[in-house]
Amino acid sequence: MLSKSKFGIIVAAAFLLTACANTYNRTETGGTERTGVHLDESVAVLVTTPKDGGYGGRIYGGSGVAVARIVDSSFSRYARIVDVYPSEYHSLGDLKDIIAKNDYGYIVVPTISIWERRTTDWSKTPTQVSVKMSVIDVATGKEISSNFLEAKGASSSSLVSFFGSSIDRPEDLLSDLTDDYVDTLYSAIF
């Protein structure tokens, strides 16, 4: 039988471990293909750069470029050519010339909903990021996949900071989540 002090230590340790965990969520929100998307690795991809995101009235400069780089890196693991368009997506018509010149087959449109870097030693509010990721098939003009990628960092604590295991940048939270999403897009479904 456990003594009260040992039980208290076990409860405290369990609380610290769960309080220090990052949370990740991917929600499918649409697209013509829904769960049956399988992108062709031989098709070139154009990633648009979203406008900078923020939270609570604060805009984080450079967050749009950071998202475009993350998406570029994730798609580059599969596609033969991946380029980043330096501004926001408005319509296929706006990109007609660049699409024709470079023979892009897919346009990836990330949109930042939340970008908040908050984890510090004095703040118990976690970093959070939410990005809508849409993939458009250039040949049909249709959105073939649309997902919200959301992550929330672990709440900061002196124990987490001491051991250096706290992820406190939205970029770090989004990177693995984006890799996982892109993996599903290029995975064969049999």
N, C-alpha and C. Protein backbone atom coordinates (compact mmCIF):
# COMPACT_ATOMS: atom_id res chain seq x y z
N MET A 1 0.83 -1.18 0.00
CA MET A 1 0.00 0.00 0.00
C MET A 1 0.88 1.25 0.00
N LEU A 2 0.49 2.25 -0.77
CA LEU A 2 1.26 3.48 -0.88
C LEU A 2 0.98 4.40 0.30
N SER A 3 2.04 5.01 0.78
CA SER A 3 1.84 6.01 1.83
C SER A 3 1.31 7.28 1.20
N LYS A 4 0.79 8.18 2.01
CA LYS A 4 0.22 9.44 1.49
C LYS A 4 1.28 10.26 0.78
N SER A 5 2.52 10.25 1.28
CA SER A 5 3.57 11.05 0.65
C SER A 5 3.95 10.47 -0.72
N LYS A 6 4.05 9.15 -0.83
CA LYS A 6 4.37 8.53 -2.12
C LYS A 6 3.23 8.77 -3.11
N PHE A 7 2.00 8.65 -2.63
CA PHE A 7 0.85 8.90 -3.50
C PHE A 7 0.85 10.34 -4.00
N GLY A 8 1.17 11.27 -3.10
CA GLY A 8 1.25 12.69 -3.47
C GLY A 8 2.31 12.94 -4.52
N ILE A 9 3.45 12.29 -4.39
CA ILE A 9 4.53 12.43 -5.37
C ILE A 9 4.10 11.89 -6.73
N ILE A 10 3.43 10.75 -6.75
CA ILE A 10 2.95 10.16 -8.01
C ILE A 10 1.93 11.07 -8.68
N VAL A 11 1.00 11.60 -7.91
CA VAL A 11 -0.02 12.52 -8.46
C VAL A 11 0.64 13.78 -9.01
N ALA A 12 1.60 14.34 -8.28
CA ALA A 12 2.30 15.55 -8.73
C ALA A 12 3.08 15.28 -10.02
N ALA A 13 3.75 14.13 -10.09
CA ALA A 13 4.51 13.79 -11.29
C ALA A 13 3.58 13.61 -12.48
N ALA A 14 2.46 12.94 -12.28
CA ALA A 14 1.50 12.76 -13.37
C ALA A 14 0.96 14.10 -13.84
N PHE A 15 0.69 15.00 -12.91
CA PHE A 15 0.19 16.33 -13.28
C PHE A 15 1.23 17.08 -14.10
N LEU A 16 2.50 17.06 -13.67
CA LEU A 16 3.55 17.76 -14.40
C LEU A 16 3.73 17.21 -15.81
N LEU A 17 3.67 15.89 -15.95
CA LEU A 17 3.83 15.29 -17.26
C LEU A 17 2.69 15.67 -18.20
N THR A 18 1.46 15.69 -17.72
CA THR A 18 0.34 16.05 -18.58
C THR A 18 0.28 17.54 -18.81
N ALA A 19 0.68 18.34 -17.85
CA ALA A 19 0.66 19.80 -18.00
C ALA A 19 1.73 20.26 -18.97
N CYS A 20 2.76 19.46 -19.17
CA CYS A 20 3.89 19.84 -20.00
C CYS A 20 3.78 19.30 -21.42
N ALA A 21 2.68 18.69 -21.78
CA ALA A 21 2.54 18.09 -23.10
C ALA A 21 1.96 19.08 -24.10
N ASN A 22 2.51 19.07 -25.30
CA ASN A 22 1.94 19.86 -26.40
C ASN A 22 0.73 19.11 -26.93
N THR A 23 -0.24 19.86 -27.45
CA THR A 23 -1.40 19.22 -28.05
C THR A 23 -1.47 19.59 -29.53
N TYR A 24 -1.84 18.62 -30.34
CA TYR A 24 -1.92 18.79 -31.79
C TYR A 24 -3.28 18.30 -32.28
N ASN A 25 -3.82 19.00 -33.28
CA ASN A 25 -5.10 18.61 -33.83
C ASN A 25 -5.14 18.95 -35.32
N ARG A 26 -5.62 18.02 -36.11
CA ARG A 26 -5.82 18.26 -37.54
C ARG A 26 -7.28 17.96 -37.83
N THR A 27 -7.98 18.96 -38.39
CA THR A 27 -9.40 18.81 -38.67
C THR A 27 -9.64 19.00 -40.17
N GLU A 28 -10.19 17.99 -40.80
CA GLU A 28 -10.54 18.08 -42.21
C GLU A 28 -11.75 18.98 -42.34
N THR A 29 -11.64 20.01 -43.19
CA THR A 29 -12.73 20.98 -43.32
C THR A 29 -13.36 21.02 -44.70
N GLY A 30 -12.83 20.27 -45.64
CA GLY A 30 -13.45 20.27 -46.96
C GLY A 30 -12.52 19.78 -48.04
N GLY A 31 -12.89 20.13 -49.25
CA GLY A 31 -12.16 19.67 -50.42
C GLY A 31 -13.00 18.66 -51.16
N THR A 32 -12.83 18.60 -52.46
CA THR A 32 -13.66 17.71 -53.26
C THR A 32 -13.32 16.25 -53.04
N GLU A 33 -12.07 15.97 -52.69
CA GLU A 33 -11.64 14.58 -52.54
C GLU A 33 -11.78 14.07 -51.11
N ARG A 34 -11.90 14.97 -50.16
CA ARG A 34 -11.99 14.64 -48.74
C ARG A 34 -10.87 13.68 -48.35
N THR A 35 -11.16 12.52 -47.84
CA THR A 35 -10.12 11.62 -47.33
C THR A 35 -9.39 10.84 -48.42
N GLY A 36 -9.83 10.92 -49.67
CA GLY A 36 -9.22 10.14 -50.73
C GLY A 36 -8.14 10.86 -51.53
N VAL A 37 -7.54 11.90 -51.00
CA VAL A 37 -6.52 12.67 -51.72
C VAL A 37 -5.23 11.86 -51.81
N HIS A 38 -4.69 11.80 -53.01
CA HIS A 38 -3.36 11.24 -53.23
C HIS A 38 -2.68 12.11 -54.27
N LEU A 39 -1.75 12.94 -53.81
CA LEU A 39 -1.06 13.84 -54.72
C LEU A 39 0.02 13.10 -55.48
N ASP A 40 0.25 13.55 -56.69
CA ASP A 40 1.25 12.98 -57.59
C ASP A 40 2.60 13.65 -57.32
N GLU A 41 3.62 12.87 -56.98
CA GLU A 41 4.94 13.41 -56.65
C GLU A 41 5.63 14.07 -57.85
N SER A 42 5.22 13.74 -59.07
CA SER A 42 5.84 14.32 -60.25
C SER A 42 5.27 15.69 -60.62
N VAL A 43 4.24 16.12 -59.90
CA VAL A 43 3.58 17.39 -60.19
C VAL A 43 4.18 18.52 -59.36
N ALA A 44 4.49 19.65 -60.02
CA ALA A 44 5.08 20.81 -59.34
C ALA A 44 4.06 21.50 -58.44
N VAL A 45 4.56 22.05 -57.32
CA VAL A 45 3.71 22.68 -56.31
C VAL A 45 4.13 24.13 -56.12
N LEU A 46 3.15 25.01 -56.04
CA LEU A 46 3.38 26.41 -55.71
C LEU A 46 2.73 26.69 -54.36
N VAL A 47 3.53 27.16 -53.41
CA VAL A 47 3.05 27.51 -52.07
C VAL A 47 2.91 29.02 -52.00
N THR A 48 1.74 29.51 -51.63
CA THR A 48 1.57 30.95 -51.47
C THR A 48 1.98 31.36 -50.06
N THR A 49 2.34 32.61 -49.90
CA THR A 49 2.75 33.13 -48.60
C THR A 49 1.56 33.83 -47.95
N PRO A 50 1.13 33.36 -46.78
CA PRO A 50 -0.01 34.01 -46.13
C PRO A 50 0.40 35.34 -45.51
N LYS A 51 -0.61 36.18 -45.26
CA LYS A 51 -0.29 37.41 -44.53
C LYS A 51 0.05 37.03 -43.10
N ASP A 52 0.83 37.88 -42.45
CA ASP A 52 1.26 37.61 -41.08
C ASP A 52 0.06 37.41 -40.16
N GLY A 53 0.23 36.49 -39.23
CA GLY A 53 -0.83 36.18 -38.29
C GLY A 53 -0.55 36.74 -36.92
N GLY A 54 -1.54 36.63 -36.06
CA GLY A 54 -1.40 37.13 -34.71
C GLY A 54 -2.50 36.60 -33.83
N TYR A 55 -2.66 37.29 -32.71
CA TYR A 55 -3.69 36.91 -31.76
C TYR A 55 -3.93 38.09 -30.83
N GLY A 56 -5.18 38.35 -30.55
CA GLY A 56 -5.52 39.41 -29.61
C GLY A 56 -5.05 40.79 -30.03
N GLY A 57 -5.06 41.06 -31.31
CA GLY A 57 -4.66 42.37 -31.79
C GLY A 57 -3.17 42.53 -32.05
N ARG A 58 -2.38 41.56 -31.68
CA ARG A 58 -0.94 41.64 -31.92
C ARG A 58 -0.59 40.81 -33.15
N ILE A 59 0.06 41.44 -34.12
CA ILE A 59 0.50 40.75 -35.34
C ILE A 59 1.99 40.42 -35.19
N TYR A 60 2.33 39.19 -35.53
CA TYR A 60 3.71 38.74 -35.44
C TYR A 60 4.36 38.82 -36.82
N GLY A 61 5.16 39.86 -37.03
CA GLY A 61 5.83 40.07 -38.30
C GLY A 61 6.70 38.90 -38.68
N GLY A 62 6.63 38.50 -39.94
CA GLY A 62 7.43 37.39 -40.44
C GLY A 62 6.77 36.03 -40.28
N SER A 63 5.62 35.97 -39.62
CA SER A 63 4.97 34.68 -39.41
C SER A 63 4.46 34.09 -40.73
N GLY A 64 4.03 34.93 -41.65
CA GLY A 64 3.59 34.44 -42.96
C GLY A 64 4.72 33.78 -43.73
N VAL A 65 5.87 34.41 -43.73
CA VAL A 65 7.06 33.85 -44.40
C VAL A 65 7.47 32.55 -43.70
N ALA A 66 7.40 32.53 -42.37
CA ALA A 66 7.76 31.31 -41.63
C ALA A 66 6.84 30.16 -42.01
N VAL A 67 5.54 30.41 -42.13
CA VAL A 67 4.59 29.36 -42.53
C VAL A 67 4.91 28.88 -43.94
N ALA A 68 5.16 29.80 -44.86
CA ALA A 68 5.49 29.41 -46.24
C ALA A 68 6.73 28.53 -46.28
N ARG A 69 7.73 28.85 -45.49
CA ARG A 69 8.96 28.03 -45.44
C ARG A 69 8.67 26.63 -44.90
N ILE A 70 7.85 26.56 -43.86
CA ILE A 70 7.50 25.26 -43.27
C ILE A 70 6.77 24.40 -44.30
N VAL A 71 5.79 25.00 -44.98
CA VAL A 71 5.01 24.27 -45.99
C VAL A 71 5.91 23.85 -47.14
N ASP A 72 6.79 24.74 -47.59
CA ASP A 72 7.75 24.43 -48.64
C ASP A 72 8.60 23.23 -48.24
N SER A 73 9.12 23.23 -47.03
CA SER A 73 9.95 22.14 -46.55
C SER A 73 9.18 20.81 -46.52
N SER A 74 7.94 20.86 -46.06
CA SER A 74 7.13 19.63 -45.97
C SER A 74 6.82 19.06 -47.35
N PHE A 75 6.43 19.90 -48.29
CA PHE A 75 6.10 19.42 -49.63
C PHE A 75 7.35 19.01 -50.40
N SER A 76 8.49 19.64 -50.10
CA SER A 76 9.74 19.31 -50.80
C SER A 76 10.21 17.90 -50.53
N ARG A 77 9.71 17.28 -49.49
CA ARG A 77 10.08 15.89 -49.21
C ARG A 77 9.47 14.93 -50.23
N TYR A 78 8.47 15.39 -51.00
CA TYR A 78 7.78 14.54 -51.97
C TYR A 78 7.82 15.09 -53.40
N ALA A 79 7.43 16.33 -53.57
CA ALA A 79 7.24 16.88 -54.92
C ALA A 79 8.57 17.17 -55.60
N ARG A 80 8.58 17.01 -56.92
CA ARG A 80 9.81 17.23 -57.68
C ARG A 80 10.21 18.69 -57.69
N ILE A 81 9.23 19.59 -57.72
CA ILE A 81 9.49 21.03 -57.69
C ILE A 81 8.50 21.67 -56.73
N VAL A 82 9.04 22.49 -55.82
CA VAL A 82 8.19 23.27 -54.91
C VAL A 82 8.76 24.68 -54.89
N ASP A 83 7.93 25.64 -55.19
CA ASP A 83 8.33 27.05 -55.15
C ASP A 83 7.40 27.80 -54.23
N VAL A 84 7.90 28.91 -53.70
CA VAL A 84 7.10 29.76 -52.83
C VAL A 84 6.79 31.06 -53.56
N TYR A 85 5.50 31.37 -53.65
CA TYR A 85 5.05 32.64 -54.21
C TYR A 85 5.07 33.66 -53.08
N PRO A 86 5.69 34.83 -53.30
CA PRO A 86 5.96 35.74 -52.18
C PRO A 86 4.77 36.54 -51.64
N SER A 87 3.57 36.25 -52.10
CA SER A 87 2.43 37.00 -51.54
C SER A 87 1.20 36.11 -51.42
N GLU A 88 0.14 36.70 -50.89
CA GLU A 88 -1.10 36.00 -50.61
C GLU A 88 -1.79 35.49 -51.87
N TYR A 89 -2.56 34.44 -51.70
CA TYR A 89 -3.38 33.89 -52.77
C TYR A 89 -4.71 34.62 -52.79
N HIS A 90 -5.14 35.02 -53.99
CA HIS A 90 -6.46 35.63 -54.15
C HIS A 90 -7.32 34.81 -55.11
N SER A 91 -6.72 34.39 -56.22
CA SER A 91 -7.44 33.56 -57.19
C SER A 91 -6.45 32.91 -58.15
N LEU A 92 -6.91 31.86 -58.81
CA LEU A 92 -6.06 31.23 -59.83
C LEU A 92 -5.77 32.20 -60.96
N GLY A 93 -6.73 33.06 -61.27
CA GLY A 93 -6.55 34.04 -62.34
C GLY A 93 -5.36 34.95 -62.09
N ASP A 94 -5.16 35.34 -60.84
CA ASP A 94 -4.03 36.20 -60.50
C ASP A 94 -2.69 35.50 -60.73
N LEU A 95 -2.68 34.19 -60.65
CA LEU A 95 -1.45 33.42 -60.79
C LEU A 95 -1.30 32.76 -62.16
N LYS A 96 -2.22 33.09 -63.07
CA LYS A 96 -2.28 32.41 -64.37
C LYS A 96 -0.94 32.39 -65.09
N ASP A 97 -0.26 33.52 -65.17
CA ASP A 97 1.00 33.59 -65.91
C ASP A 97 2.10 32.76 -65.26
N ILE A 98 2.22 32.87 -63.95
CA ILE A 98 3.27 32.11 -63.25
C ILE A 98 2.98 30.60 -63.29
N ILE A 99 1.70 30.23 -63.23
CA ILE A 99 1.33 28.82 -63.32
C ILE A 99 1.69 28.26 -64.69
N ALA A 100 1.35 28.99 -65.73
CA ALA A 100 1.64 28.54 -67.10
C ALA A 100 3.15 28.45 -67.35
N LYS A 101 3.88 29.43 -66.88
CA LYS A 101 5.32 29.48 -67.11
C LYS A 101 6.05 28.32 -66.42
N ASN A 102 5.58 27.93 -65.25
CA ASN A 102 6.28 26.92 -64.46
C ASN A 102 5.56 25.58 -64.37
N ASP A 103 4.42 25.47 -65.02
CA ASP A 103 3.67 24.21 -65.09
C ASP A 103 3.33 23.63 -63.71
N TYR A 104 2.82 24.48 -62.82
CA TYR A 104 2.40 24.00 -61.50
C TYR A 104 1.10 23.23 -61.62
N GLY A 105 1.00 22.15 -60.86
CA GLY A 105 -0.21 21.34 -60.85
C GLY A 105 -1.04 21.53 -59.59
N TYR A 106 -0.36 21.93 -58.51
CA TYR A 106 -1.04 22.15 -57.24
C TYR A 106 -0.64 23.51 -56.67
N ILE A 107 -1.61 24.19 -56.11
CA ILE A 107 -1.36 25.42 -55.37
C ILE A 107 -1.72 25.14 -53.92
N VAL A 108 -0.80 25.43 -53.02
CA VAL A 108 -1.05 25.24 -51.59
C VAL A 108 -1.23 26.63 -50.97
N VAL A 109 -2.37 26.79 -50.31
CA VAL A 109 -2.74 28.09 -49.75
C VAL A 109 -2.87 27.99 -48.23
N PRO A 110 -1.82 28.37 -47.50
CA PRO A 110 -1.94 28.40 -46.05
C PRO A 110 -2.53 29.75 -45.61
N THR A 111 -3.37 29.71 -44.60
CA THR A 111 -3.96 30.92 -44.03
C THR A 111 -3.83 30.84 -42.51
N ILE A 112 -3.16 31.82 -41.93
CA ILE A 112 -2.94 31.81 -40.48
C ILE A 112 -4.18 32.35 -39.77
N SER A 113 -4.74 31.54 -38.88
CA SER A 113 -5.86 31.98 -38.04
C SER A 113 -5.37 32.50 -36.70
N ILE A 114 -4.43 31.76 -36.10
CA ILE A 114 -3.85 32.16 -34.81
C ILE A 114 -2.34 31.93 -34.87
N TRP A 115 -1.61 32.91 -34.41
CA TRP A 115 -0.15 32.79 -34.29
C TRP A 115 0.22 33.54 -33.02
N GLU A 116 0.52 32.80 -31.98
CA GLU A 116 0.78 33.44 -30.71
C GLU A 116 1.93 32.75 -29.99
N ARG A 117 2.98 33.50 -29.79
CA ARG A 117 4.13 32.98 -29.04
C ARG A 117 4.02 33.53 -27.62
N ARG A 118 3.70 32.65 -26.68
CA ARG A 118 3.41 33.11 -25.33
C ARG A 118 4.17 32.40 -24.23
N THR A 119 4.72 31.26 -24.47
CA THR A 119 5.32 30.50 -23.39
C THR A 119 6.60 31.20 -22.93
N THR A 120 6.56 31.68 -21.71
CA THR A 120 7.72 32.28 -21.07
C THR A 120 7.72 31.81 -19.63
N ASP A 121 8.79 32.09 -18.92
CA ASP A 121 8.86 31.67 -17.52
C ASP A 121 7.80 32.35 -16.66
N TRP A 122 7.39 33.53 -17.02
CA TRP A 122 6.44 34.26 -16.17
C TRP A 122 4.99 34.11 -16.63
N SER A 123 4.77 33.57 -17.81
CA SER A 123 3.41 33.43 -18.33
C SER A 123 3.03 31.96 -18.38
N LYS A 124 1.87 31.65 -17.88
CA LYS A 124 1.39 30.26 -17.93
C LYS A 124 0.51 30.04 -19.16
N THR A 125 0.41 31.05 -20.02
CA THR A 125 -0.38 30.93 -21.25
C THR A 125 0.48 30.29 -22.32
N PRO A 126 0.04 29.19 -22.93
CA PRO A 126 0.88 28.49 -23.90
C PRO A 126 0.89 29.16 -25.28
N THR A 127 1.96 28.89 -25.99
CA THR A 127 2.04 29.26 -27.40
C THR A 127 0.97 28.49 -28.15
N GLN A 128 0.37 29.13 -29.15
CA GLN A 128 -0.62 28.42 -29.96
C GLN A 128 -0.52 28.87 -31.41
N VAL A 129 -0.90 27.95 -32.30
CA VAL A 129 -0.90 28.23 -33.73
C VAL A 129 -2.06 27.49 -34.37
N SER A 130 -2.69 28.15 -35.33
CA SER A 130 -3.78 27.54 -36.11
C SER A 130 -3.65 28.03 -37.54
N VAL A 131 -3.50 27.08 -38.46
CA VAL A 131 -3.33 27.42 -39.87
C VAL A 131 -4.27 26.56 -40.70
N LYS A 132 -5.04 27.21 -41.57
CA LYS A 132 -5.86 26.47 -42.52
C LYS A 132 -4.99 26.19 -43.74
N MET A 133 -4.98 24.94 -44.16
CA MET A 133 -4.17 24.53 -45.30
C MET A 133 -5.09 24.03 -46.40
N SER A 134 -5.07 24.70 -47.54
CA SER A 134 -5.90 24.29 -48.69
C SER A 134 -4.99 23.90 -49.84
N VAL A 135 -5.37 22.84 -50.55
CA VAL A 135 -4.65 22.40 -51.73
C VAL A 135 -5.61 22.50 -52.91
N ILE A 136 -5.18 23.23 -53.94
CA ILE A 136 -6.01 23.44 -55.12
C ILE A 136 -5.39 22.72 -56.31
N ASP A 137 -6.19 21.94 -57.01
CA ASP A 137 -5.77 21.27 -58.24
C ASP A 137 -5.90 22.29 -59.37
N VAL A 138 -4.79 22.67 -59.97
CA VAL A 138 -4.79 23.71 -61.00
C VAL A 138 -5.63 23.28 -62.21
N ALA A 139 -5.58 22.02 -62.59
CA ALA A 139 -6.29 21.55 -63.79
C ALA A 139 -7.80 21.74 -63.67
N THR A 140 -8.34 21.50 -62.47
CA THR A 140 -9.79 21.62 -62.28
C THR A 140 -10.20 22.92 -61.60
N GLY A 141 -9.24 23.57 -60.94
CA GLY A 141 -9.55 24.78 -60.19
C GLY A 141 -10.24 24.51 -58.88
N LYS A 142 -10.34 23.24 -58.50
CA LYS A 142 -11.06 22.87 -57.28
C LYS A 142 -10.12 22.65 -56.10
N GLU A 143 -10.64 22.98 -54.93
CA GLU A 143 -9.93 22.70 -53.69
C GLU A 143 -10.10 21.21 -53.42
N ILE A 144 -8.99 20.48 -53.43
CA ILE A 144 -9.08 19.03 -53.24
C ILE A 144 -8.83 18.60 -51.81
N SER A 145 -8.27 19.49 -51.01
CA SER A 145 -8.06 19.20 -49.60
C SER A 145 -8.06 20.50 -48.81
N SER A 146 -8.67 20.45 -47.64
CA SER A 146 -8.68 21.61 -46.75
C SER A 146 -8.69 21.09 -45.31
N ASN A 147 -7.71 21.52 -44.55
CA ASN A 147 -7.57 21.09 -43.15
C ASN A 147 -7.14 22.25 -42.28
N PHE A 148 -7.62 22.24 -41.04
CA PHE A 148 -7.09 23.14 -40.03
C PHE A 148 -6.04 22.39 -39.26
N LEU A 149 -4.86 22.97 -39.15
CA LEU A 149 -3.77 22.40 -38.35
C LEU A 149 -3.63 23.28 -37.12
N GLU A 150 -3.85 22.69 -35.95
CA GLU A 150 -3.83 23.47 -34.71
C GLU A 150 -2.91 22.82 -33.69
N ALA A 151 -2.15 23.64 -33.01
CA ALA A 151 -1.26 23.13 -31.97
C ALA A 151 -1.19 24.13 -30.83
N LYS A 152 -1.03 23.58 -29.66
CA LYS A 152 -0.89 24.41 -28.47
C LYS A 152 0.29 23.86 -27.69
N GLY A 153 1.20 24.75 -27.33
CA GLY A 153 2.38 24.34 -26.59
C GLY A 153 2.08 24.03 -25.14
N ALA A 154 3.02 23.39 -24.51
CA ALA A 154 2.89 23.09 -23.09
C ALA A 154 2.92 24.39 -22.31
N SER A 155 2.17 24.45 -21.24
CA SER A 155 2.26 25.60 -20.35
C SER A 155 3.66 25.63 -19.76
N SER A 156 4.20 26.79 -19.68
CA SER A 156 5.54 26.94 -19.15
C SER A 156 5.55 26.67 -17.65
N SER A 157 6.58 26.04 -17.20
CA SER A 157 6.79 25.89 -15.77
C SER A 157 8.29 25.93 -15.53
N SER A 158 8.70 26.25 -14.34
CA SER A 158 10.13 26.33 -14.07
C SER A 158 10.79 24.97 -14.28
N LEU A 159 10.08 23.87 -14.02
CA LEU A 159 10.63 22.54 -14.21
C LEU A 159 10.87 22.28 -15.70
N VAL A 160 9.87 22.64 -16.52
CA VAL A 160 10.02 22.44 -17.97
C VAL A 160 11.15 23.30 -18.49
N SER A 161 11.20 24.57 -18.09
CA SER A 161 12.25 25.47 -18.56
C SER A 161 13.62 24.99 -18.10
N PHE A 162 13.70 24.47 -16.87
CA PHE A 162 14.97 24.00 -16.33
C PHE A 162 15.53 22.86 -17.18
N PHE A 163 14.68 21.94 -17.59
CA PHE A 163 15.13 20.81 -18.40
C PHE A 163 15.16 21.14 -19.88
N GLY A 164 14.67 22.31 -20.28
CA GLY A 164 14.77 22.75 -21.66
C GLY A 164 13.86 22.01 -22.62
N SER A 165 12.77 21.43 -22.16
CA SER A 165 11.93 20.63 -23.05
C SER A 165 10.71 21.39 -23.54
N SER A 166 10.62 22.66 -23.22
CA SER A 166 9.46 23.43 -23.64
C SER A 166 9.64 23.94 -25.07
N ILE A 167 8.66 23.68 -25.92
CA ILE A 167 8.67 24.24 -27.27
C ILE A 167 7.89 25.54 -27.19
N ASP A 168 8.56 26.64 -27.48
CA ASP A 168 7.88 27.91 -27.29
C ASP A 168 7.75 28.74 -28.56
N ARG A 169 7.94 28.13 -29.70
CA ARG A 169 7.79 28.86 -30.95
C ARG A 169 6.68 28.22 -31.78
N PRO A 170 5.78 29.03 -32.35
CA PRO A 170 4.74 28.47 -33.21
C PRO A 170 5.32 27.67 -34.38
N GLU A 171 6.47 28.10 -34.89
CA GLU A 171 7.11 27.40 -36.00
C GLU A 171 7.41 25.95 -35.65
N ASP A 172 7.91 25.75 -34.43
CA ASP A 172 8.26 24.39 -33.99
C ASP A 172 7.01 23.52 -33.86
N LEU A 173 5.95 24.11 -33.32
CA LEU A 173 4.71 23.36 -33.18
C LEU A 173 4.12 23.00 -34.53
N LEU A 174 4.18 23.93 -35.49
CA LEU A 174 3.55 23.73 -36.79
C LEU A 174 4.33 22.78 -37.70
N SER A 175 5.64 22.73 -37.56
CA SER A 175 6.48 21.96 -38.46
C SER A 175 6.11 20.47 -38.51
N ASP A 176 6.08 19.81 -37.36
CA ASP A 176 5.75 18.38 -37.33
C ASP A 176 4.33 18.12 -37.80
N LEU A 177 3.42 18.99 -37.41
CA LEU A 177 2.02 18.85 -37.80
C LEU A 177 1.86 18.96 -39.32
N THR A 178 2.59 19.88 -39.92
CA THR A 178 2.54 20.06 -41.38
C THR A 178 3.15 18.85 -42.09
N ASP A 179 4.27 18.35 -41.56
CA ASP A 179 4.87 17.14 -42.13
C ASP A 179 3.87 15.98 -42.12
N ASP A 180 3.18 15.79 -41.01
CA ASP A 180 2.20 14.71 -40.90
C ASP A 180 1.06 14.89 -41.91
N TYR A 181 0.57 16.12 -42.06
CA TYR A 181 -0.50 16.42 -43.02
C TYR A 181 -0.05 16.10 -44.44
N VAL A 182 1.13 16.56 -44.81
CA VAL A 182 1.63 16.32 -46.16
C VAL A 182 1.87 14.83 -46.40
N ASP A 183 2.33 14.12 -45.37
CA ASP A 183 2.50 12.67 -45.49
C ASP A 183 1.18 12.02 -45.92
N THR A 184 0.06 12.46 -45.33
CA THR A 184 -1.24 11.87 -45.69
C THR A 184 -1.64 12.22 -47.11
N LEU A 185 -1.24 13.38 -47.59
CA LEU A 185 -1.59 13.79 -48.96
C LEU A 185 -0.88 12.95 -50.02
N TYR A 186 0.33 12.51 -49.71
CA TYR A 186 1.11 11.75 -50.69
C TYR A 186 1.05 10.23 -50.43
N SER A 187 0.40 9.82 -49.38
CA SER A 187 0.29 8.38 -49.09
C SER A 187 -0.71 7.74 -50.02
N ALA A 188 -0.35 6.58 -50.51
CA ALA A 188 -1.26 5.82 -51.37
C ALA A 188 -2.36 5.21 -50.50
N ILE A 189 -3.58 5.33 -50.95
CA ILE A 189 -4.71 4.71 -50.25
C ILE A 189 -5.17 3.53 -51.10
N PHE A 190 -5.04 2.35 -50.53
CA PHE A 190 -5.41 1.15 -51.28
C PHE A 190 -6.70 0.57 -50.75
